[in-house]
């Protein structure tokens, strides 16, 4: 059967099939992980699949992968671009334990009409690697991390508080109401935030 995953199907009964995977290549293993992460995969993730860095480099030379930075690759094709690609890439480039932070969290949620020129990513680790200019690294403060569209980020309520003074109060308040309507805030958080934001 000519499928990407090289699935061989055996007819067990009328209308019923049993499918199993045979001899997955390194690229196919990479695809399974990257397809659920905006097309991205790290060399650490690849190593956990038994794929060495040399194989990642070879796939990049053959045009199957594109190197985006230290230890970060992306599928050259077969992935659907989205509005969250930059956030996913920024977190991976900064490294383990990183999360989208501050105003960038509001932008991810499409709140408060913010459009920051850089993606702010916070981490507790020292970042020595070279990063693109569109990524701003800041020190991660204590607090919960949540996932939005599969991307680690500062909890939305804390991100809103973080933006007080940097974003107009009226816009923040509108953002709170929109987030509440979308079910993106916990019970009682919207009310508490509005009391903090509105004079």
C-alpha atoms as a PDB file:
ATOM      1  CA  UNK A   1       0.000   0.000   0.000  1.00  0.00           C
ATOM      2  CA  UNK A   2       1.672   3.276  -1.121  1.00  0.00           C
ATOM      3  CA  UNK A   3       1.412   5.354   2.054  1.00  0.00           C
ATOM      4  CA  UNK A   4       3.993   7.598   3.641  1.00  0.00           C
ATOM      5  CA  UNK A   5       4.247   5.391   6.702  1.00  0.00           C
ATOM      6  CA  UNK A   6       4.808   2.225   4.669  1.00  0.00           C
ATOM      7  CA  UNK A   7       1.824   0.541   6.248  1.00  0.00           C
ATOM      8  CA  UNK A   8       1.098  -2.963   5.161  1.00  0.00           C
ATOM      9  CA  UNK A   9      -2.487  -3.952   5.655  1.00  0.00           C
ATOM     10  CA  UNK A  10      -3.862  -7.451   5.917  1.00  0.00           C
ATOM     11  CA  UNK A  11      -7.516  -8.073   5.331  1.00  0.00           C
ATOM     12  CA  UNK A  12      -8.768  -9.859   8.433  1.00  0.00           C
ATOM     13  CA  UNK A  13     -12.469  -9.805   7.642  1.00  0.00           C
ATOM     14  CA  UNK A  14     -14.788  -8.008   5.314  1.00  0.00           C
ATOM     15  CA  UNK A  15     -14.423  -4.303   5.947  1.00  0.00           C
ATOM     16  CA  UNK A  16     -11.815  -4.783   8.708  1.00  0.00           C
ATOM     17  CA  UNK A  17      -8.080  -4.215   8.382  1.00  0.00           C
ATOM     18  CA  UNK A  18      -5.085  -4.621  10.625  1.00  0.00           C
ATOM     19  CA  UNK A  19      -2.243  -2.223   9.909  1.00  0.00           C
ATOM     20  CA  UNK A  20       1.300  -2.343  11.213  1.00  0.00           C
ATOM     21  CA  UNK A  21       4.454  -0.336  10.605  1.00  0.00           C
ATOM     22  CA  UNK A  22       7.515  -1.940   9.080  1.00  0.00           C
ATOM     23  CA  UNK A  23      11.051  -0.594   9.004  1.00  0.00           C
ATOM     24  CA  UNK A  24      10.468   3.086   9.736  1.00  0.00           C
ATOM     25  CA  UNK A  25      13.271   5.277   8.444  1.00  0.00           C
ATOM     26  CA  UNK A  26      14.949   7.992  10.515  1.00  0.00           C
ATOM     27  CA  UNK A  27      12.977  10.642   8.655  1.00  0.00           C
ATOM     28  CA  UNK A  28       9.678   8.905   9.335  1.00  0.00           C
ATOM     29  CA  UNK A  29      10.479   8.733  13.046  1.00  0.00           C
ATOM     30  CA  UNK A  30      11.338  12.431  12.997  1.00  0.00           C
ATOM     31  CA  UNK A  31       8.126  13.224  11.148  1.00  0.00           C
ATOM     32  CA  UNK A  32       5.984  11.533  13.789  1.00  0.00           C
ATOM     33  CA  UNK A  33       7.380  13.856  16.462  1.00  0.00           C
ATOM     34  CA  UNK A  34       7.716  17.039  14.400  1.00  0.00           C
ATOM     35  CA  UNK A  35       4.236  16.831  12.891  1.00  0.00           C
ATOM     36  CA  UNK A  36       2.780  17.459  16.352  1.00  0.00           C
ATOM     37  CA  UNK A  37       5.173  20.324  17.108  1.00  0.00           C
ATOM     38  CA  UNK A  38       4.767  22.806  14.259  1.00  0.00           C
ATOM     39  CA  UNK A  39       7.232  20.839  12.145  1.00  0.00           C
ATOM     40  CA  UNK A  40      10.068  21.253  14.672  1.00  0.00           C
ATOM     41  CA  UNK A  41      12.281  18.681  16.349  1.00  0.00           C
ATOM     42  CA  UNK A  42      15.376  19.058  18.516  1.00  0.00           C
ATOM     43  CA  UNK A  43      18.501  16.947  18.374  1.00  0.00           C
ATOM     44  CA  UNK A  44      17.706  15.838  21.941  1.00  0.00           C
ATOM     45  CA  UNK A  45      14.300  14.554  20.846  1.00  0.00           C
ATOM     46  CA  UNK A  46      15.890  12.869  17.848  1.00  0.00           C
ATOM     47  CA  UNK A  47      18.496  11.204  20.072  1.00  0.00           C
ATOM     48  CA  UNK A  48      15.689   9.706  22.163  1.00  0.00           C
ATOM     49  CA  UNK A  49      14.505   8.064  18.935  1.00  0.00           C
ATOM     50  CA  UNK A  50      17.964   6.651  18.299  1.00  0.00           C
ATOM     51  CA  UNK A  51      18.825   9.229  15.636  1.00  0.00           C
ATOM     52  CA  UNK A  52      22.298  10.822  16.012  1.00  0.00           C
ATOM     53  CA  UNK A  53      23.174  14.429  15.199  1.00  0.00           C
ATOM     54  CA  UNK A  54      25.116  13.246  12.156  1.00  0.00           C
ATOM     55  CA  UNK A  55      21.919  11.826  10.653  1.00  0.00           C
ATOM     56  CA  UNK A  56      20.099  15.102  11.311  1.00  0.00           C
ATOM     57  CA  UNK A  57      22.861  16.984   9.485  1.00  0.00           C
ATOM     58  CA  UNK A  58      22.708  14.517   6.621  1.00  0.00           C
ATOM     59  CA  UNK A  59      18.946  14.945   6.285  1.00  0.00           C
ATOM     60  CA  UNK A  60      19.433  18.726   6.255  1.00  0.00           C
ATOM     61  CA  UNK A  61      22.027  18.416   3.472  1.00  0.00           C
ATOM     62  CA  UNK A  62      19.563  16.326   1.478  1.00  0.00           C
ATOM     63  CA  UNK A  63      16.886  18.978   1.894  1.00  0.00           C
ATOM     64  CA  UNK A  64      14.583  16.911   4.123  1.00  0.00           C
ATOM     65  CA  UNK A  65      15.184  19.114   7.184  1.00  0.00           C
ATOM     66  CA  UNK A  66      16.059  22.781   7.694  1.00  0.00           C
ATOM     67  CA  UNK A  67      18.362  23.809  10.535  1.00  0.00           C
ATOM     68  CA  UNK A  68      16.860  26.760  12.437  1.00  0.00           C
ATOM     69  CA  UNK A  69      19.465  27.132  15.164  1.00  0.00           C
ATOM     70  CA  UNK A  70      21.506  25.253  17.705  1.00  0.00           C
ATOM     71  CA  UNK A  71      19.941  21.808  18.080  1.00  0.00           C
ATOM     72  CA  UNK A  72      16.686  22.801  16.346  1.00  0.00           C
ATOM     73  CA  UNK A  73      15.510  21.492  12.982  1.00  0.00           C
ATOM     74  CA  UNK A  74      12.287  21.721  11.034  1.00  0.00           C
ATOM     75  CA  UNK A  75      10.690  19.588   8.369  1.00  0.00           C
ATOM     76  CA  UNK A  76      11.324  21.085   4.949  1.00  0.00           C
ATOM     77  CA  UNK A  77       7.849  20.032   3.805  1.00  0.00           C
ATOM     78  CA  UNK A  78       4.748  18.131   4.964  1.00  0.00           C
ATOM     79  CA  UNK A  79       3.670  20.479   7.744  1.00  0.00           C
ATOM     80  CA  UNK A  80       0.948  23.105   7.945  1.00  0.00           C
ATOM     81  CA  UNK A  81       2.231  26.619   8.787  1.00  0.00           C
ATOM     82  CA  UNK A  82       0.316  28.441  11.508  1.00  0.00           C
ATOM     83  CA  UNK A  83       0.251  31.730  13.378  1.00  0.00           C
ATOM     84  CA  UNK A  84       1.958  30.067  16.347  1.00  0.00           C
ATOM     85  CA  UNK A  85       5.079  28.882  14.509  1.00  0.00           C
ATOM     86  CA  UNK A  86       7.257  31.734  15.730  1.00  0.00           C
ATOM     87  CA  UNK A  87       6.365  31.150  19.374  1.00  0.00           C
ATOM     88  CA  UNK A  88       7.110  27.425  19.119  1.00  0.00           C
ATOM     89  CA  UNK A  89      10.422  28.131  17.409  1.00  0.00           C
ATOM     90  CA  UNK A  90      11.436  30.803  19.922  1.00  0.00           C
ATOM     91  CA  UNK A  91      10.919  28.494  22.903  1.00  0.00           C
ATOM     92  CA  UNK A  92      12.920  25.690  21.285  1.00  0.00           C
ATOM     93  CA  UNK A  93      15.771  28.021  20.310  1.00  0.00           C
ATOM     94  CA  UNK A  94      16.086  29.414  23.846  1.00  0.00           C
ATOM     95  CA  UNK A  95      16.199  25.883  25.183  1.00  0.00           C
ATOM     96  CA  UNK A  96      14.854  23.562  27.824  1.00  0.00           C
ATOM     97  CA  UNK A  97      12.668  25.177  30.482  1.00  0.00           C
ATOM     98  CA  UNK A  98      11.851  28.228  28.346  1.00  0.00           C
ATOM     99  CA  UNK A  99       8.359  29.708  28.041  1.00  0.00           C
ATOM    100  CA  UNK A 100       6.690  32.535  26.136  1.00  0.00           C
ATOM    101  CA  UNK A 101       6.351  35.499  28.483  1.00  0.00           C
ATOM    102  CA  UNK A 102       4.663  38.817  29.120  1.00  0.00           C
ATOM    103  CA  UNK A 103       3.179  40.755  26.225  1.00  0.00           C
ATOM    104  CA  UNK A 104       3.955  37.898  23.840  1.00  0.00           C
ATOM    105  CA  UNK A 105       1.506  35.700  25.766  1.00  0.00           C
ATOM    106  CA  UNK A 106      -1.232  38.266  25.153  1.00  0.00           C
ATOM    107  CA  UNK A 107      -0.301  38.316  21.471  1.00  0.00           C
ATOM    108  CA  UNK A 108      -0.559  34.511  21.324  1.00  0.00           C
ATOM    109  CA  UNK A 109      -4.079  34.741  22.732  1.00  0.00           C
ATOM    110  CA  UNK A 110      -4.928  37.688  20.441  1.00  0.00           C
ATOM    111  CA  UNK A 111      -5.744  39.936  23.411  1.00  0.00           C
ATOM    112  CA  UNK A 112      -5.439  43.653  24.174  1.00  0.00           C
ATOM    113  CA  UNK A 113      -4.485  44.585  20.586  1.00  0.00           C
ATOM    114  CA  UNK A 114      -0.805  44.005  21.305  1.00  0.00           C
ATOM    115  CA  UNK A 115       1.705  43.362  18.529  1.00  0.00           C
ATOM    116  CA  UNK A 116       5.190  43.244  20.062  1.00  0.00           C
ATOM    117  CA  UNK A 117       8.124  43.467  17.619  1.00  0.00           C
ATOM    118  CA  UNK A 118       9.878  40.564  19.356  1.00  0.00           C
ATOM    119  CA  UNK A 119       8.845  37.311  21.001  1.00  0.00           C
ATOM    120  CA  UNK A 120       9.677  37.442  24.696  1.00  0.00           C
ATOM    121  CA  UNK A 121      10.850  34.132  26.108  1.00  0.00           C
ATOM    122  CA  UNK A 122      11.736  33.649  29.765  1.00  0.00           C
ATOM    123  CA  UNK A 123      14.093  31.061  31.220  1.00  0.00           C
ATOM    124  CA  UNK A 124      16.003  30.349  34.416  1.00  0.00           C
ATOM    125  CA  UNK A 125      18.977  29.034  32.485  1.00  0.00           C
ATOM    126  CA  UNK A 126      21.882  31.036  31.167  1.00  0.00           C
ATOM    127  CA  UNK A 127      21.583  31.313  27.384  1.00  0.00           C
ATOM    128  CA  UNK A 128      24.936  31.376  25.637  1.00  0.00           C
ATOM    129  CA  UNK A 129      23.831  30.398  22.162  1.00  0.00           C
ATOM    130  CA  UNK A 130      23.319  32.990  19.447  1.00  0.00           C
ATOM    131  CA  UNK A 131      19.656  33.836  18.908  1.00  0.00           C
ATOM    132  CA  UNK A 132      17.750  35.745  16.212  1.00  0.00           C
ATOM    133  CA  UNK A 133      17.095  39.416  16.933  1.00  0.00           C
ATOM    134  CA  UNK A 134      13.334  38.787  16.986  1.00  0.00           C
ATOM    135  CA  UNK A 135      13.682  36.821  20.233  1.00  0.00           C
ATOM    136  CA  UNK A 136      13.996  38.661  23.559  1.00  0.00           C
ATOM    137  CA  UNK A 137      15.227  36.585  26.497  1.00  0.00           C
ATOM    138  CA  UNK A 138      14.220  37.563  30.016  1.00  0.00           C
ATOM    139  CA  UNK A 139      14.591  36.075  33.470  1.00  0.00           C
ATOM    140  CA  UNK A 140      11.770  33.746  34.365  1.00  0.00           C
ATOM    141  CA  UNK A 141       9.933  34.697  37.552  1.00  0.00           C
ATOM    142  CA  UNK A 142       8.417  32.125  39.892  1.00  0.00           C
ATOM    143  CA  UNK A 143       4.949  31.015  38.860  1.00  0.00           C
ATOM    144  CA  UNK A 144       2.955  28.448  36.984  1.00  0.00           C
ATOM    145  CA  UNK A 145       3.570  27.565  33.382  1.00  0.00           C
ATOM    146  CA  UNK A 146       0.678  26.510  31.191  1.00  0.00           C
ATOM    147  CA  UNK A 147       0.449  25.326  27.608  1.00  0.00           C
ATOM    148  CA  UNK A 148      -1.399  27.200  24.896  1.00  0.00           C
ATOM    149  CA  UNK A 149      -1.654  25.481  21.519  1.00  0.00           C
ATOM    150  CA  UNK A 150       0.976  23.075  22.809  1.00  0.00           C
ATOM    151  CA  UNK A 151       3.490  25.857  23.575  1.00  0.00           C
ATOM    152  CA  UNK A 152       4.736  26.522  27.132  1.00  0.00           C
ATOM    153  CA  UNK A 153       3.933  30.019  28.320  1.00  0.00           C
ATOM    154  CA  UNK A 154       3.382  32.163  31.380  1.00  0.00           C
ATOM    155  CA  UNK A 155      -0.066  31.668  32.856  1.00  0.00           C
ATOM    156  CA  UNK A 156      -2.402  34.138  31.172  1.00  0.00           C
ATOM    157  CA  UNK A 157      -3.571  35.901  34.339  1.00  0.00           C
ATOM    158  CA  UNK A 158       0.042  36.508  35.375  1.00  0.00           C
ATOM    159  CA  UNK A 159       0.951  37.689  31.877  1.00  0.00           C
ATOM    160  CA  UNK A 160      -1.850  40.244  32.043  1.00  0.00           C
ATOM    161  CA  UNK A 161      -0.548  41.495  35.404  1.00  0.00           C
ATOM    162  CA  UNK A 162       2.963  41.556  33.949  1.00  0.00           C
ATOM    163  CA  UNK A 163       1.766  43.957  31.243  1.00  0.00           C
ATOM    164  CA  UNK A 164       0.250  46.536  33.582  1.00  0.00           C
ATOM    165  CA  UNK A 165       1.892  49.872  32.852  1.00  0.00           C
ATOM    166  CA  UNK A 166       3.155  48.682  29.458  1.00  0.00           C
ATOM    167  CA  UNK A 167      -0.273  48.191  27.848  1.00  0.00           C
ATOM    168  CA  UNK A 168      -3.121  50.685  28.155  1.00  0.00           C
ATOM    169  CA  UNK A 169      -5.461  49.802  31.032  1.00  0.00           C
ATOM    170  CA  UNK A 170      -8.507  49.986  28.761  1.00  0.00           C
ATOM    171  CA  UNK A 171      -6.982  47.487  26.347  1.00  0.00           C
ATOM    172  CA  UNK A 172      -5.986  45.151  29.175  1.00  0.00           C
ATOM    173  CA  UNK A 173      -9.497  45.279  30.595  1.00  0.00           C
ATOM    174  CA  UNK A 174     -10.956  44.468  27.177  1.00  0.00           C
ATOM    175  CA  UNK A 175      -8.453  41.616  26.926  1.00  0.00           C
ATOM    176  CA  UNK A 176      -9.581  40.248  30.279  1.00  0.00           C
ATOM    177  CA  UNK A 177     -13.230  40.284  29.209  1.00  0.00           C
ATOM    178  CA  UNK A 178     -12.396  38.559  25.927  1.00  0.00           C
ATOM    179  CA  UNK A 179     -10.297  35.919  27.691  1.00  0.00           C
ATOM    180  CA  UNK A 180     -13.128  35.293  30.136  1.00  0.00           C
ATOM    181  CA  UNK A 181     -15.606  34.902  27.286  1.00  0.00           C
ATOM    182  CA  UNK A 182     -13.225  32.440  25.602  1.00  0.00           C
ATOM    183  CA  UNK A 183     -12.910  30.408  28.791  1.00  0.00           C
ATOM    184  CA  UNK A 184      -9.184  31.139  29.059  1.00  0.00           C
ATOM    185  CA  UNK A 185      -9.201  32.371  32.661  1.00  0.00           C
ATOM    186  CA  UNK A 186      -9.899  30.436  35.851  1.00  0.00           C
ATOM    187  CA  UNK A 187     -12.966  30.998  37.966  1.00  0.00           C
ATOM    188  CA  UNK A 188     -12.798  34.405  39.637  1.00  0.00           C
ATOM    189  CA  UNK A 189      -9.631  35.520  37.848  1.00  0.00           C
ATOM    190  CA  UNK A 190     -11.367  37.947  35.485  1.00  0.00           C
ATOM    191  CA  UNK A 191     -13.104  39.747  38.322  1.00  0.00           C
ATOM    192  CA  UNK A 192      -9.884  40.009  40.315  1.00  0.00           C
ATOM    193  CA  UNK A 193      -7.921  41.249  37.316  1.00  0.00           C
ATOM    194  CA  UNK A 194     -10.484  43.908  36.433  1.00  0.00           C
ATOM    195  CA  UNK A 195     -10.330  45.243  39.989  1.00  0.00           C
ATOM    196  CA  UNK A 196      -6.554  45.511  39.667  1.00  0.00           C
ATOM    197  CA  UNK A 197      -6.606  47.093  36.210  1.00  0.00           C
ATOM    198  CA  UNK A 198      -9.536  49.469  36.252  1.00  0.00           C
ATOM    199  CA  UNK A 199      -9.266  52.581  38.474  1.00  0.00           C
END
